[in-house]
PDB file of N, CA and C in Angstrom:
ATOM      1  N   MET A   1     114.999 105.287 117.159  1.00  0.00           N
ATOM      2  CA  MET A   1     113.883 105.304 116.293  1.00  0.00           C
ATOM      3  C   MET A   1     113.966 104.274 115.216  1.00  0.00           C
ATOM      4  N   ILE A   2     115.175 104.280 114.561  1.00  0.00           N
ATOM      5  CA  ILE A   2     115.530 103.423 113.446  1.00  0.00           C
ATOM      6  C   ILE A   2     115.323 102.007 113.765  1.00  0.00           C
ATOM      7  N   GLU A   3     115.591 101.566 114.984  1.00  0.00           N
ATOM      8  CA  GLU A   3     115.452 100.158 115.396  1.00  0.00           C
ATOM      9  C   GLU A   3     114.100  99.782 115.355  1.00  0.00           C
ATOM     10  N   PHE A   4     113.080 100.647 115.431  1.00  0.00           N
ATOM     11  CA  PHE A   4     111.711 100.232 115.221  1.00  0.00           C
ATOM     12  C   PHE A   4     111.228 100.125 113.832  1.00  0.00           C
ATOM     13  N   PHE A   5     111.920 100.839 112.876  1.00  0.00           N
ATOM     14  CA  PHE A   5     111.705 100.733 111.490  1.00  0.00           C
ATOM     15  C   PHE A   5     112.881 100.324 110.717  1.00  0.00           C
ATOM     16  N   PRO A   6     113.344  99.043 110.710  1.00  0.00           N
ATOM     17  CA  PRO A   6     114.513  98.686 110.073  1.00  0.00           C
ATOM     18  C   PRO A   6     114.648  98.854 108.594  1.00  0.00           C
ATOM     19  N   GLU A   7     113.442  99.079 107.918  1.00  0.00           N
ATOM     20  CA  GLU A   7     113.382  99.245 106.494  1.00  0.00           C
ATOM     21  C   GLU A   7     113.664 100.796 106.180  1.00  0.00           C
ATOM     22  N   ARG A   8     113.627 101.526 107.171  1.00  0.00           N
ATOM     23  CA  ARG A   8     113.793 103.014 106.920  1.00  0.00           C
ATOM     24  C   ARG A   8     115.182 103.553 107.540  1.00  0.00           C
ATOM     25  N   ASN A   9     115.845 104.357 106.743  1.00  0.00           N
ATOM     26  CA  ASN A   9     117.161 104.891 107.244  1.00  0.00           C
ATOM     27  C   ASN A   9     116.808 106.206 107.976  1.00  0.00           C
ATOM     28  N   ALA A  10     117.846 106.752 108.526  1.00  0.00           N
ATOM     29  CA  ALA A  10     117.590 108.176 109.381  1.00  0.00           C
ATOM     30  C   ALA A  10     117.053 109.208 108.508  1.00  0.00           C
ATOM     31  N   TYR A  11     117.457 109.285 107.328  1.00  0.00           N
ATOM     32  CA  TYR A  11     116.944 110.280 106.381  1.00  0.00           C
ATOM     33  C   TYR A  11     115.442 110.196 106.191  1.00  0.00           C
ATOM     34  N   LEU A  12     114.967 108.848 105.886  1.00  0.00           N
ATOM     35  CA  LEU A  12     113.522 108.705 105.671  1.00  0.00           C
ATOM     36  C   LEU A  12     112.682 108.927 106.837  1.00  0.00           C
ATOM     37  N   CYS A  13     113.246 108.541 108.061  1.00  0.00           N
ATOM     38  CA  CYS A  13     112.561 108.816 109.391  1.00  0.00           C
ATOM     39  C   CYS A  13     112.294 110.306 109.618  1.00  0.00           C
ATOM     40  N   ARG A  14     113.470 111.113 109.289  1.00  0.00           N
ATOM     41  CA  ARG A  14     113.446 112.566 109.451  1.00  0.00           C
ATOM     42  C   ARG A  14     112.380 113.149 108.537  1.00  0.00           C
ATOM     43  N   GLU A  15     112.419 112.793 107.295  1.00  0.00           N
ATOM     44  CA  GLU A  15     111.493 113.321 106.278  1.00  0.00           C
ATOM     45  C   GLU A  15     110.053 113.005 106.589  1.00  0.00           C
ATOM     46  N   ARG A  16     109.820 111.737 107.042  1.00  0.00           N
ATOM     47  CA  ARG A  16     108.364 111.443 107.562  1.00  0.00           C
ATOM     48  C   ARG A  16     107.949 112.324 108.544  1.00  0.00           C
ATOM     49  N   TYR A  17     108.804 112.570 109.610  1.00  0.00           N
ATOM     50  CA  TYR A  17     108.394 113.342 110.694  1.00  0.00           C
ATOM     51  C   TYR A  17     108.189 114.813 110.238  1.00  0.00           C
ATOM     52  N   VAL A  18     109.204 115.397 109.622  1.00  0.00           N
ATOM     53  CA  VAL A  18     109.103 116.805 109.131  1.00  0.00           C
ATOM     54  C   VAL A  18     107.854 117.082 108.219  1.00  0.00           C
ATOM     55  N   ASN A  19     107.624 116.111 107.398  1.00  0.00           N
ATOM     56  CA  ASN A  19     106.569 116.457 106.402  1.00  0.00           C
ATOM     57  C   ASN A  19     105.210 115.823 106.665  1.00  0.00           C
ATOM     58  N   MET A  20     105.117 114.895 107.719  1.00  0.00           N
ATOM     59  CA  MET A  20     103.818 114.240 107.907  1.00  0.00           C
ATOM     60  C   MET A  20     103.362 114.196 109.457  1.00  0.00           C
ATOM     61  N   ILE A  21     104.329 113.938 110.366  1.00  0.00           N
ATOM     62  CA  ILE A  21     103.974 113.534 111.690  1.00  0.00           C
ATOM     63  C   ILE A  21     104.040 114.724 112.635  1.00  0.00           C
ATOM     64  N   ASP A  22     104.854 115.722 112.341  1.00  0.00           N
ATOM     65  CA  ASP A  22     105.047 116.923 113.133  1.00  0.00           C
ATOM     66  C   ASP A  22     103.623 117.432 113.496  1.00  0.00           C
ATOM     67  N   PRO A  23     103.442 117.628 114.862  1.00  0.00           N
ATOM     68  CA  PRO A  23     102.033 118.217 115.239  1.00  0.00           C
ATOM     69  C   PRO A  23     101.733 119.535 114.823  1.00  0.00           C
ATOM     70  N   SER A  24     102.839 120.325 114.422  1.00  0.00           N
ATOM     71  CA  SER A  24     102.560 121.749 114.100  1.00  0.00           C
ATOM     72  C   SER A  24     102.079 121.833 112.631  1.00  0.00           C
ATOM     73  N   ILE A  25     102.044 120.821 111.908  1.00  0.00           N
ATOM     74  CA  ILE A  25     101.660 120.736 110.487  1.00  0.00           C
ATOM     75  C   ILE A  25     100.171 120.845 110.375  1.00  0.00           C
ATOM     76  N   ASN A  26      99.595 121.740 109.492  1.00  0.00           N
ATOM     77  CA  ASN A  26      98.226 121.912 109.236  1.00  0.00           C
ATOM     78  C   ASN A  26      97.826 121.005 108.091  1.00  0.00           C
ATOM     79  N   HIS A  27      97.106 119.989 108.321  1.00  0.00           N
ATOM     80  CA  HIS A  27      96.685 119.085 107.162  1.00  0.00           C
ATOM     81  C   HIS A  27      95.296 119.376 106.640  1.00  0.00           C
ATOM     82  N   SER A  28      94.728 120.461 107.114  1.00  0.00           N
ATOM     83  CA  SER A  28      93.348 120.734 106.572  1.00  0.00           C
ATOM     84  C   SER A  28      93.460 121.384 105.165  1.00  0.00           C
ATOM     85  N   LEU A  29      92.251 121.538 104.555  1.00  0.00           N
ATOM     86  CA  LEU A  29      92.256 122.051 103.131  1.00  0.00           C
ATOM     87  C   LEU A  29      92.822 123.486 103.184  1.00  0.00           C
ATOM     88  N   TRP A  30      93.373 123.939 102.144  1.00  0.00           N
ATOM     89  CA  TRP A  30      93.854 125.341 101.939  1.00  0.00           C
ATOM     90  C   TRP A  30      92.607 126.362 101.897  1.00  0.00           C
ATOM     91  N   SER A  31      92.790 127.313 102.632  1.00  0.00           N
ATOM     92  CA  SER A  31      91.727 128.329 102.587  1.00  0.00           C
ATOM     93  C   SER A  31      92.024 129.398 101.491  1.00  0.00           C
ATOM     94  N   LYS A  32      91.052 130.124 101.171  1.00  0.00           N
ATOM     95  CA  LYS A  32      91.076 131.172 100.142  1.00  0.00           C
ATOM     96  C   LYS A  32      92.093 132.127 100.494  1.00  0.00           C
ATOM     97  N   GLU A  33      92.247 132.529 101.852  1.00  0.00           N
ATOM     98  CA  GLU A  33      93.229 133.480 102.316  1.00  0.00           C
ATOM     99  C   GLU A  33      94.665 132.922 102.185  1.00  0.00           C
ATOM    100  N   GLU A  34      94.829 131.614 102.397  1.00  0.00           N
ATOM    101  CA  GLU A  34      96.165 131.014 102.182  1.00  0.00           C
ATOM    102  C   GLU A  34      96.524 130.992 100.704  1.00  0.00           C
ATOM    103  N   ASP A  35      95.509 130.789  99.863  1.00  0.00           N
ATOM    104  CA  ASP A  35      95.796 130.721  98.483  1.00  0.00           C
ATOM    105  C   ASP A  35      96.291 132.174  97.893  1.00  0.00           C
ATOM    106  N   LEU A  36      95.618 133.151  98.440  1.00  0.00           N
ATOM    107  CA  LEU A  36      95.981 134.570  98.057  1.00  0.00           C
ATOM    108  C   LEU A  36      97.344 134.842  98.603  1.00  0.00           C
ATOM    109  N   LYS A  37      97.574 134.536  99.847  1.00  0.00           N
ATOM    110  CA  LYS A  37      98.849 134.776 100.321  1.00  0.00           C
ATOM    111  C   LYS A  37      99.990 133.982  99.517  1.00  0.00           C
ATOM    112  N   MET A  38      99.712 132.686  99.267  1.00  0.00           N
ATOM    113  CA  MET A  38     100.690 131.916  98.411  1.00  0.00           C
ATOM    114  C   MET A  38     100.910 132.615  97.047  1.00  0.00           C
ATOM    115  N   ILE A  39      99.847 133.070  96.399  1.00  0.00           N
ATOM    116  CA  ILE A  39     100.097 133.836  95.206  1.00  0.00           C
ATOM    117  C   ILE A  39     100.979 135.128  95.405  1.00  0.00           C
ATOM    118  N   ASP A  40     100.754 135.836  96.420  1.00  0.00           N
ATOM    119  CA  ASP A  40     101.653 137.026  96.702  1.00  0.00           C
ATOM    120  C   ASP A  40     103.098 136.581  96.970  1.00  0.00           C
ATOM    121  N   LEU A  41     103.168 135.462  97.838  1.00  0.00           N
ATOM    122  CA  LEU A  41     104.575 135.074  98.126  1.00  0.00           C
ATOM    123  C   LEU A  41     105.279 134.513  96.916  1.00  0.00           C
ATOM    124  N   ILE A  42     104.605 133.825  95.884  1.00  0.00           N
ATOM    125  CA  ILE A  42     105.221 133.404  94.706  1.00  0.00           C
ATOM    126  C   ILE A  42     105.686 134.644  93.911  1.00  0.00           C
ATOM    127  N   LYS A  43     104.861 135.685  93.862  1.00  0.00           N
ATOM    128  CA  LYS A  43     105.261 136.979  93.136  1.00  0.00           C
ATOM    129  C   LYS A  43     106.487 137.516  93.755  1.00  0.00           C
ATOM    130  N   LYS A  44     106.584 137.512  95.157  1.00  0.00           N
ATOM    131  CA  LYS A  44     107.621 138.069  95.931  1.00  0.00           C
ATOM    132  C   LYS A  44     108.933 137.330  95.661  1.00  0.00           C
ATOM    133  N   TYR A  45     108.911 135.963  95.879  1.00  0.00           N
ATOM    134  CA  TYR A  45     110.118 135.082  95.871  1.00  0.00           C
ATOM    135  C   TYR A  45     110.444 134.363  94.591  1.00  0.00           C
ATOM    136  N   GLY A  46     109.300 134.194  93.769  1.00  0.00           N
ATOM    137  CA  GLY A  46     109.514 133.426  92.497  1.00  0.00           C
ATOM    138  C   GLY A  46     108.914 131.908  92.752  1.00  0.00           C
ATOM    139  N   PHE A  47     108.416 131.425  91.668  1.00  0.00           N
ATOM    140  CA  PHE A  47     107.982 130.026  91.596  1.00  0.00           C
ATOM    141  C   PHE A  47     109.188 129.180  91.830  1.00  0.00           C
ATOM    142  N   GLY A  48     109.100 128.292  92.807  1.00  0.00           N
ATOM    143  CA  GLY A  48     110.191 127.338  93.118  1.00  0.00           C
ATOM    144  C   GLY A  48     110.918 127.647  94.450  1.00  0.00           C
ATOM    145  N   LYS A  49     110.691 128.732  95.090  1.00  0.00           N
ATOM    146  CA  LYS A  49     111.347 129.089  96.291  1.00  0.00           C
ATOM    147  C   LYS A  49     110.443 128.724  97.502  1.00  0.00           C
ATOM    148  N   TRP A  50     110.233 127.339  97.598  1.00  0.00           N
ATOM    149  CA  TRP A  50     109.205 126.873  98.444  1.00  0.00           C
ATOM    150  C   TRP A  50     109.706 126.876  99.934  1.00  0.00           C
ATOM    151  N   ALA A  51     110.900 126.723 100.229  1.00  0.00           N
ATOM    152  CA  ALA A  51     111.351 126.824 101.605  1.00  0.00           C
ATOM    153  C   ALA A  51     111.119 128.250 102.196  1.00  0.00           C
ATOM    154  N   LYS A  52     111.447 129.265 101.400  1.00  0.00           N
ATOM    155  CA  LYS A  52     111.149 130.667 101.692  1.00  0.00           C
ATOM    156  C   LYS A  52     109.615 130.879 101.853  1.00  0.00           C
ATOM    157  N   ILE A  53     108.924 130.449 101.022  1.00  0.00           N
ATOM    158  CA  ILE A  53     107.438 130.562 101.075  1.00  0.00           C
ATOM    159  C   ILE A  53     106.858 129.871 102.216  1.00  0.00           C
ATOM    160  N   ALA A  54     107.310 128.688 102.512  1.00  0.00           N
ATOM    161  CA  ALA A  54     106.816 127.927 103.701  1.00  0.00           C
ATOM    162  C   ALA A  54     107.054 128.609 104.953  1.00  0.00           C
ATOM    163  N   ARG A  55     108.245 129.363 105.166  1.00  0.00           N
ATOM    164  CA  ARG A  55     108.516 130.060 106.268  1.00  0.00           C
ATOM    165  C   ARG A  55     107.433 131.083 106.624  1.00  0.00           C
ATOM    166  N   GLU A  56     106.814 131.604 105.597  1.00  0.00           N
ATOM    167  CA  GLU A  56     105.722 132.552 105.835  1.00  0.00           C
ATOM    168  C   GLU A  56     104.304 132.053 105.819  1.00  0.00           C
ATOM    169  N   MET A  57     104.237 130.697 105.744  1.00  0.00           N
ATOM    170  CA  MET A  57     102.971 129.959 105.677  1.00  0.00           C
ATOM    171  C   MET A  57     102.920 129.157 106.914  1.00  0.00           C
ATOM    172  N   PRO A  58     102.459 129.661 108.051  1.00  0.00           N
ATOM    173  CA  PRO A  58     102.449 128.813 109.323  1.00  0.00           C
ATOM    174  C   PRO A  58     101.635 127.492 109.147  1.00  0.00           C
ATOM    175  N   GLY A  59     102.305 126.451 109.555  1.00  0.00           N
ATOM    176  CA  GLY A  59     101.723 125.011 109.542  1.00  0.00           C
ATOM    177  C   GLY A  59     101.712 124.393 108.203  1.00  0.00           C
ATOM    178  N   ARG A  60     102.412 125.011 107.184  1.00  0.00           N
ATOM    179  CA  ARG A  60     102.589 124.376 105.907  1.00  0.00           C
ATOM    180  C   ARG A  60     104.113 124.109 105.616  1.00  0.00           C
ATOM    181  N   THR A  61     104.288 122.907 105.093  1.00  0.00           N
ATOM    182  CA  THR A  61     105.798 122.625 104.797  1.00  0.00           C
ATOM    183  C   THR A  61     106.074 122.927 103.396  1.00  0.00           C
ATOM    184  N   ASP A  62     107.312 122.950 103.075  1.00  0.00           N
ATOM    185  CA  ASP A  62     107.707 123.341 101.591  1.00  0.00           C
ATOM    186  C   ASP A  62     107.133 122.346 100.652  1.00  0.00           C
ATOM    187  N   ASN A  63     107.015 121.115 100.951  1.00  0.00           N
ATOM    188  CA  ASN A  63     106.397 120.167 100.062  1.00  0.00           C
ATOM    189  C   ASN A  63     104.933 120.500  99.833  1.00  0.00           C
ATOM    190  N   MET A  64     104.165 120.817 100.899  1.00  0.00           N
ATOM    191  CA  MET A  64     102.777 121.306 100.688  1.00  0.00           C
ATOM    192  C   MET A  64     102.768 122.409  99.902  1.00  0.00           C
ATOM    193  N   CYS A  65     103.676 123.421 100.094  1.00  0.00           N
ATOM    194  CA  CYS A  65     103.561 124.698  99.220  1.00  0.00           C
ATOM    195  C   CYS A  65     103.883 124.415  97.810  1.00  0.00           C
ATOM    196  N   LEU A  66     104.852 123.497  97.566  1.00  0.00           N
ATOM    197  CA  LEU A  66     105.089 123.109  96.144  1.00  0.00           C
ATOM    198  C   LEU A  66     103.818 122.459  95.476  1.00  0.00           C
ATOM    199  N   THR A  67     103.224 121.505  96.119  1.00  0.00           N
ATOM    200  CA  THR A  67     102.036 120.991  95.577  1.00  0.00           C
ATOM    201  C   THR A  67     100.839 121.935  95.417  1.00  0.00           C
ATOM    202  N   ARG A  68     100.704 122.790  96.272  1.00  0.00           N
ATOM    203  CA  ARG A  68      99.630 123.785  96.158  1.00  0.00           C
ATOM    204  C   ARG A  68      99.986 124.947  95.077  1.00  0.00           C
ATOM    205  N   GLY A  69     101.235 125.275  95.014  1.00  0.00           N
ATOM    206  CA  GLY A  69     101.684 126.139  93.972  1.00  0.00           C
ATOM    207  C   GLY A  69     101.505 125.658  92.580  1.00  0.00           C
ATOM    208  N   ARG A  70     101.731 124.347  92.381  1.00  0.00           N
ATOM    209  CA  ARG A  70     101.546 123.715  91.090  1.00  0.00           C
ATOM    210  C   ARG A  70     100.012 123.650  90.716  1.00  0.00           C
ATOM    211  N   THR A  71      99.122 123.338  91.740  1.00  0.00           N
ATOM    212  CA  THR A  71      97.744 123.453  91.593  1.00  0.00           C
ATOM    213  C   THR A  71      97.239 124.800  91.200  1.00  0.00           C
ATOM    214  N   LEU A  72      97.663 125.823  91.980  1.00  0.00           N
ATOM    215  CA  LEU A  72      97.208 127.157  91.742  1.00  0.00           C
ATOM    216  C   LEU A  72      97.734 127.519  90.304  1.00  0.00           C
ATOM    217  N   ARG A  73      98.951 127.265  89.912  1.00  0.00           N
ATOM    218  CA  ARG A  73      99.493 127.592  88.647  1.00  0.00           C
ATOM    219  C   ARG A  73      98.499 126.992  87.547  1.00  0.00           C
ATOM    220  N   SER A  74      98.204 125.719  87.548  1.00  0.00           N
ATOM    221  CA  SER A  74      97.472 125.096  86.621  1.00  0.00           C
ATOM    222  C   SER A  74      95.962 125.752  86.605  1.00  0.00           C
ATOM    223  N   LYS A  75      95.403 126.121  87.826  1.00  0.00           N
ATOM    224  CA  LYS A  75      94.010 126.605  87.706  1.00  0.00           C
ATOM    225  C   LYS A  75      94.118 128.046  87.139  1.00  0.00           C
ATOM    226  N   LEU A  76      95.217 128.873  87.444  1.00  0.00           N
ATOM    227  CA  LEU A  76      95.349 130.177  86.818  1.00  0.00           C
ATOM    228  C   LEU A  76      95.568 130.054  85.327  1.00  0.00           C
ATOM    229  N   LEU A  77      96.328 129.104  84.870  1.00  0.00           N
ATOM    230  CA  LEU A  77      96.537 128.943  83.499  1.00  0.00           C
ATOM    231  C   LEU A  77      95.214 128.621  82.721  1.00  0.00           C
ATOM    232  N   LYS A  78      94.453 127.713  83.344  1.00  0.00           N
ATOM    233  CA  LYS A  78      93.188 127.363  82.678  1.00  0.00           C
ATOM    234  C   LYS A  78      92.184 128.500  82.740  1.00  0.00           C
ATOM    235  N   LYS A  79      92.188 129.364  83.804  1.00  0.00           N
ATOM    236  CA  LYS A  79      91.187 130.468  83.964  1.00  0.00           C
ATOM    237  C   LYS A  79      91.506 131.462  82.821  1.00  0.00           C
ATOM    238  N   PHE A  80      92.868 131.728  82.619  1.00  0.00           N
ATOM    239  CA  PHE A  80      93.234 132.819  81.603  1.00  0.00           C
ATOM    240  C   PHE A  80      93.563 132.179  80.354  1.00  0.00           C
ATOM    241  N   LYS A  81      93.420 130.910  80.171  1.00  0.00           N
ATOM    242  CA  LYS A  81      93.782 130.216  78.997  1.00  0.00           C
ATOM    243  C   LYS A  81      95.200 130.614  78.399  1.00  0.00           C
ATOM    244  N   VAL A  82      96.170 130.628  79.341  1.00  0.00           N
ATOM    245  CA  VAL A  82      97.513 130.801  78.962  1.00  0.00           C
ATOM    246  C   VAL A  82      98.212 129.545  78.653  1.00  0.00           C
ATOM    247  N   SER A  83      99.074 129.565  77.618  1.00  0.00           N
ATOM    248  CA  SER A  83      99.849 128.279  77.318  1.00  0.00           C
ATOM    249  C   SER A  83     101.054 128.089  78.140  1.00  0.00           C
TER     250      SER A  83
END
């Protein structure tokens, strides 16, 4: 694989596959049910435990959960006007 992409090392090829190309990844928009499940999992495991959370979110990677978790946190902070 690396011979086809000389500018990328093995680590970058792996990360690209795991986070973007893997056919089991769900690239669609997050549903309301997924958001509610994400909030419950953040309460269960804590903010920042993205690998654990992603294991319970089929089709979502830890990086996707990180990004969505940050978005949800900022939305909740704005909704309840918490500093």
